[in-house]
N, C-alpha and C. Protein backbone atom coordinates (compact mmCIF):
# COMPACT_ATOMS: atom_id res chain seq x y z
N VAL A 1 104.57 122.83 72.55
CA VAL A 1 103.84 124.08 72.63
C VAL A 1 104.63 125.02 73.52
N VAL A 2 104.76 126.24 73.08
CA VAL A 2 105.47 127.25 73.85
C VAL A 2 104.47 127.98 74.73
N SER A 3 104.77 128.05 76.00
CA SER A 3 103.89 128.73 76.93
C SER A 3 103.91 130.23 76.65
N ARG A 4 102.76 130.87 76.78
CA ARG A 4 102.69 132.31 76.55
C ARG A 4 103.53 133.11 77.53
N ASN A 5 103.79 132.58 78.71
CA ASN A 5 104.51 133.36 79.71
C ASN A 5 105.99 133.53 79.38
N VAL A 6 106.51 132.86 78.37
CA VAL A 6 107.90 133.06 77.99
C VAL A 6 108.08 134.27 77.08
N PHE A 7 106.99 134.82 76.57
CA PHE A 7 107.07 135.98 75.71
C PHE A 7 107.14 137.26 76.53
N ASN A 8 107.97 138.19 76.07
CA ASN A 8 107.90 139.52 76.67
C ASN A 8 106.78 140.28 75.94
N GLN A 9 106.50 141.49 76.35
CA GLN A 9 105.37 142.22 75.79
C GLN A 9 105.50 142.41 74.28
N GLU A 10 106.67 142.75 73.80
CA GLU A 10 106.87 142.98 72.37
C GLU A 10 106.71 141.70 71.57
N SER A 11 107.33 140.61 72.04
CA SER A 11 107.21 139.36 71.28
C SER A 11 105.79 138.83 71.36
N GLN A 12 105.07 139.11 72.44
CA GLN A 12 103.66 138.71 72.54
C GLN A 12 102.85 139.40 71.45
N ARG A 13 103.08 140.71 71.25
CA ARG A 13 102.38 141.44 70.19
C ARG A 13 102.72 140.86 68.82
N ASP A 14 104.01 140.53 68.59
CA ASP A 14 104.42 139.94 67.32
C ASP A 14 103.73 138.59 67.12
N TYR A 15 103.69 137.79 68.17
CA TYR A 15 103.05 136.47 68.10
C TYR A 15 101.57 136.61 67.75
N GLU A 16 100.88 137.53 68.43
CA GLU A 16 99.45 137.72 68.17
C GLU A 16 99.21 138.25 66.77
N SER A 17 100.08 139.15 66.30
CA SER A 17 99.95 139.66 64.93
C SER A 17 100.13 138.53 63.93
N PHE A 18 101.11 137.68 64.17
CA PHE A 18 101.35 136.55 63.28
C PHE A 18 100.16 135.61 63.26
N THR A 19 99.68 135.20 64.43
CA THR A 19 98.57 134.24 64.46
C THR A 19 97.31 134.84 63.88
N ASN A 20 97.02 136.12 64.19
CA ASN A 20 95.84 136.75 63.62
C ASN A 20 95.98 136.90 62.11
N GLY A 21 97.15 137.30 61.66
CA GLY A 21 97.39 137.44 60.23
C GLY A 21 97.31 136.11 59.51
N TYR A 22 97.88 135.08 60.09
CA TYR A 22 97.84 133.76 59.47
C TYR A 22 96.41 133.25 59.40
N SER A 23 95.66 133.44 60.48
CA SER A 23 94.27 132.99 60.49
C SER A 23 93.47 133.71 59.42
N MET A 24 93.70 135.01 59.27
CA MET A 24 92.97 135.75 58.24
C MET A 24 93.40 135.31 56.85
N HIS A 25 94.67 134.98 56.67
CA HIS A 25 95.13 134.47 55.38
C HIS A 25 94.38 133.19 55.03
N VAL A 26 94.30 132.28 55.98
CA VAL A 26 93.59 131.02 55.75
C VAL A 26 92.11 131.30 55.51
N ALA A 27 91.53 132.17 56.33
CA ALA A 27 90.11 132.50 56.17
C ALA A 27 89.85 133.14 54.81
N ASN A 28 90.72 134.02 54.35
CA ASN A 28 90.52 134.66 53.05
C ASN A 28 90.61 133.66 51.90
N ARG A 29 91.57 132.73 51.98
CA ARG A 29 91.67 131.68 50.94
C ARG A 29 90.41 130.82 50.95
N PHE A 30 89.96 130.48 52.12
CA PHE A 30 88.75 129.68 52.28
C PHE A 30 87.55 130.43 51.70
N TYR A 31 87.45 131.70 52.04
CA TYR A 31 86.35 132.54 51.58
C TYR A 31 86.30 132.61 50.06
N LYS A 32 87.44 132.86 49.44
CA LYS A 32 87.47 132.98 47.98
C LYS A 32 87.06 131.68 47.30
N LYS A 33 87.48 130.56 47.85
CA LYS A 33 87.18 129.28 47.23
C LYS A 33 85.71 128.86 47.42
N TRP A 34 85.16 129.11 48.59
CA TRP A 34 83.84 128.56 48.93
C TRP A 34 82.74 129.59 49.13
N HIS A 35 83.00 130.85 48.88
CA HIS A 35 82.05 131.90 49.20
C HIS A 35 80.64 131.64 48.69
N SER A 36 80.49 131.32 47.44
CA SER A 36 79.14 131.16 46.88
C SER A 36 78.38 130.00 47.53
N LYS A 37 79.07 128.95 47.93
CA LYS A 37 78.41 127.82 48.59
C LYS A 37 78.09 128.14 50.05
N LEU A 38 78.94 128.91 50.69
CA LEU A 38 78.77 129.18 52.11
C LEU A 38 77.71 130.23 52.41
N THR A 39 77.34 131.01 51.44
CA THR A 39 76.35 132.05 51.71
C THR A 39 75.01 131.45 52.10
N GLN A 40 74.76 130.22 51.72
CA GLN A 40 73.49 129.58 52.05
C GLN A 40 73.63 128.47 53.08
N ALA A 41 74.84 128.19 53.52
CA ALA A 41 75.07 127.11 54.47
C ALA A 41 75.03 127.62 55.91
N SER A 42 74.41 126.85 56.79
CA SER A 42 74.40 127.17 58.21
C SER A 42 75.77 126.88 58.80
N LEU A 43 76.13 127.58 59.88
CA LEU A 43 77.43 127.40 60.50
C LEU A 43 77.31 127.40 62.01
N LEU A 44 77.92 126.41 62.64
CA LEU A 44 78.11 126.39 64.09
C LEU A 44 79.61 126.30 64.30
N SER A 45 80.19 127.30 64.93
CA SER A 45 81.64 127.38 65.12
C SER A 45 81.96 127.38 66.61
N PHE A 46 82.99 126.62 67.00
CA PHE A 46 83.43 126.55 68.39
C PHE A 46 84.86 127.08 68.51
N ALA A 47 85.14 127.67 69.65
CA ALA A 47 86.50 128.09 69.99
C ALA A 47 86.75 127.74 71.45
N GLY A 48 87.97 127.31 71.72
CA GLY A 48 88.34 126.95 73.09
C GLY A 48 88.73 128.17 73.90
N ASN A 49 88.21 128.25 75.12
CA ASN A 49 88.53 129.40 75.96
C ASN A 49 89.98 129.40 76.46
N ASP A 50 90.68 128.28 76.27
CA ASP A 50 92.07 128.17 76.71
C ASP A 50 92.99 127.78 75.55
N ASP A 51 92.58 128.12 74.33
CA ASP A 51 93.36 127.77 73.14
C ASP A 51 94.62 128.63 73.06
N LYS A 52 95.77 128.00 73.05
CA LYS A 52 97.05 128.72 72.97
C LYS A 52 97.54 128.85 71.53
N ILE A 53 96.83 128.23 70.59
CA ILE A 53 97.25 128.25 69.19
C ILE A 53 96.45 129.28 68.39
N VAL A 54 95.14 129.28 68.56
CA VAL A 54 94.28 130.23 67.83
C VAL A 54 93.54 131.07 68.86
N SER A 55 93.75 132.37 68.82
CA SER A 55 93.10 133.26 69.78
C SER A 55 91.59 133.34 69.52
N LEU A 56 90.85 133.75 70.53
CA LEU A 56 89.40 133.93 70.36
C LEU A 56 89.12 134.99 69.29
N LYS A 57 89.93 136.03 69.28
CA LYS A 57 89.77 137.08 68.27
C LYS A 57 89.90 136.50 66.86
N SER A 58 90.90 135.67 66.65
CA SER A 58 91.08 135.04 65.34
C SER A 58 89.95 134.07 65.03
N SER A 59 89.54 133.31 66.02
CA SER A 59 88.46 132.35 65.82
C SER A 59 87.16 133.04 65.42
N ARG A 60 86.90 134.17 66.03
CA ARG A 60 85.65 134.90 65.74
C ARG A 60 85.62 135.46 64.31
N LYS A 61 86.78 135.62 63.69
CA LYS A 61 86.82 136.19 62.34
C LYS A 61 86.01 135.38 61.33
N ILE A 62 85.83 134.10 61.59
CA ILE A 62 85.05 133.27 60.67
C ILE A 62 83.63 133.82 60.54
N MET A 63 83.15 134.46 61.59
CA MET A 63 81.80 135.01 61.55
C MET A 63 81.71 136.19 60.60
N ASP A 64 82.83 136.88 60.36
CA ASP A 64 82.86 137.98 59.40
C ASP A 64 82.97 137.45 57.97
N VAL A 65 83.60 136.30 57.83
CA VAL A 65 83.85 135.73 56.52
C VAL A 65 82.61 135.03 55.97
N ILE A 66 81.92 134.31 56.83
CA ILE A 66 80.74 133.56 56.40
C ILE A 66 79.55 134.51 56.36
N THR A 67 78.86 134.53 55.25
CA THR A 67 77.76 135.47 55.08
C THR A 67 76.38 134.85 55.31
N ALA A 68 76.33 133.58 55.63
CA ALA A 68 75.05 132.93 55.89
C ALA A 68 74.35 133.61 57.06
N GLU A 69 73.02 133.65 57.01
CA GLU A 69 72.26 134.26 58.11
C GLU A 69 72.23 133.35 59.33
N ASP A 70 72.20 132.06 59.11
CA ASP A 70 72.12 131.09 60.20
C ASP A 70 73.53 130.68 60.61
N LYS A 71 74.10 131.45 61.53
CA LYS A 71 75.45 131.16 62.00
C LYS A 71 75.53 131.45 63.49
N GLU A 72 76.35 130.66 64.15
CA GLU A 72 76.48 130.78 65.61
C GLU A 72 77.92 130.49 66.02
N PHE A 73 78.42 131.27 66.96
CA PHE A 73 79.77 131.11 67.47
C PHE A 73 79.69 130.86 68.97
N ARG A 74 80.36 129.80 69.43
CA ARG A 74 80.34 129.47 70.86
C ARG A 74 81.75 129.31 71.39
N VAL A 75 81.99 129.87 72.55
CA VAL A 75 83.24 129.67 73.28
C VAL A 75 82.98 128.58 74.30
N VAL A 76 83.81 127.54 74.25
CA VAL A 76 83.62 126.38 75.12
C VAL A 76 84.90 126.07 75.88
N PRO A 77 84.80 125.30 76.96
CA PRO A 77 86.01 124.95 77.72
C PRO A 77 86.96 124.10 76.88
N GLY A 78 88.24 124.39 77.02
CA GLY A 78 89.24 123.56 76.36
C GLY A 78 90.27 124.35 75.61
N GLY A 79 91.32 123.64 75.26
CA GLY A 79 92.38 124.21 74.44
C GLY A 79 92.12 123.89 72.99
N HIS A 80 93.16 123.94 72.18
CA HIS A 80 93.02 123.78 70.74
C HIS A 80 92.37 122.45 70.35
N ALA A 81 92.93 121.35 70.78
CA ALA A 81 92.35 120.04 70.46
C ALA A 81 91.30 119.62 71.48
N GLY A 82 91.40 120.15 72.69
CA GLY A 82 90.47 119.79 73.75
C GLY A 82 89.03 120.16 73.47
N VAL A 83 88.82 121.14 72.62
CA VAL A 83 87.46 121.55 72.27
C VAL A 83 86.65 120.35 71.79
N PHE A 84 87.25 119.52 70.95
CA PHE A 84 86.53 118.38 70.39
C PHE A 84 86.91 117.04 71.01
N ALA A 85 88.09 116.97 71.62
CA ALA A 85 88.56 115.68 72.14
C ALA A 85 88.74 115.67 73.65
N GLY A 86 88.55 116.78 74.31
CA GLY A 86 88.74 116.85 75.76
C GLY A 86 87.58 116.23 76.51
N ARG A 87 87.75 116.07 77.81
CA ARG A 87 86.71 115.40 78.60
C ARG A 87 85.42 116.22 78.70
N LYS A 88 85.50 117.54 78.51
CA LYS A 88 84.29 118.37 78.55
C LYS A 88 83.61 118.48 77.18
N ALA A 89 84.25 117.96 76.15
CA ALA A 89 83.70 118.07 74.79
C ALA A 89 82.34 117.40 74.67
N VAL A 90 82.15 116.28 75.34
CA VAL A 90 80.87 115.57 75.27
C VAL A 90 79.73 116.49 75.70
N ASP A 91 79.94 117.22 76.79
CA ASP A 91 78.88 118.08 77.32
C ASP A 91 78.72 119.38 76.55
N TYR A 92 79.83 119.99 76.15
CA TYR A 92 79.77 121.32 75.57
C TYR A 92 79.77 121.36 74.04
N VAL A 93 80.32 120.36 73.40
CA VAL A 93 80.44 120.41 71.95
C VAL A 93 79.62 119.30 71.27
N TRP A 94 79.83 118.08 71.67
CA TRP A 94 79.15 116.97 71.00
C TRP A 94 77.64 117.08 71.11
N GLY A 95 77.16 117.28 72.33
CA GLY A 95 75.72 117.39 72.54
C GLY A 95 75.15 118.62 71.84
N ALA A 96 75.85 119.74 71.97
CA ALA A 96 75.40 120.98 71.33
C ALA A 96 75.36 120.83 69.81
N SER A 97 76.36 120.15 69.25
CA SER A 97 76.39 119.93 67.81
C SER A 97 75.22 119.05 67.37
N ALA A 98 74.97 117.99 68.13
CA ALA A 98 73.86 117.08 67.80
C ALA A 98 72.52 117.81 67.85
N GLU A 99 72.32 118.62 68.88
CA GLU A 99 71.07 119.40 68.99
C GLU A 99 70.94 120.40 67.86
N TRP A 100 72.03 121.09 67.56
CA TRP A 100 72.04 122.10 66.51
C TRP A 100 71.70 121.47 65.16
N LEU A 101 72.33 120.32 64.88
CA LEU A 101 72.04 119.61 63.62
C LEU A 101 70.62 119.07 63.58
N ALA A 102 70.14 118.55 64.70
CA ALA A 102 68.79 118.00 64.75
C ALA A 102 67.74 119.07 64.43
N ARG A 103 67.94 120.28 64.93
CA ARG A 103 66.98 121.38 64.66
C ARG A 103 66.98 121.75 63.18
N ARG A 104 68.03 121.41 62.45
CA ARG A 104 68.13 121.79 61.04
C ARG A 104 67.93 120.61 60.10
N SER A 105 67.61 119.46 60.63
CA SER A 105 67.45 118.26 59.80
C SER A 105 65.98 118.01 59.49
N ASN A 106 65.75 117.42 58.36
CA ASN A 106 64.36 117.11 57.96
C ASN A 106 63.89 115.83 58.60
């Protein structure tokens, strides 16, 4: 992983444009393929507050793509993989996911 502090201001803008553009490309492909199914599906989305791979801005774009009324976006402690596998994941993601699913289960 390349640390963000090695980028100068111009390359930082290029990097952010690339990651935002790539994320939107993936989101658009996802949207086209699954749109009709996702309009009725609930969504709980997490983003790491220290993610060096996917910015919060890019992560939030999923909320624009998914048209379901029951959707929620949460920023939690951790980096890219740490969101689900880090030591704080049990408290901030696993438990929250279980509660969220339980409220929607029959």
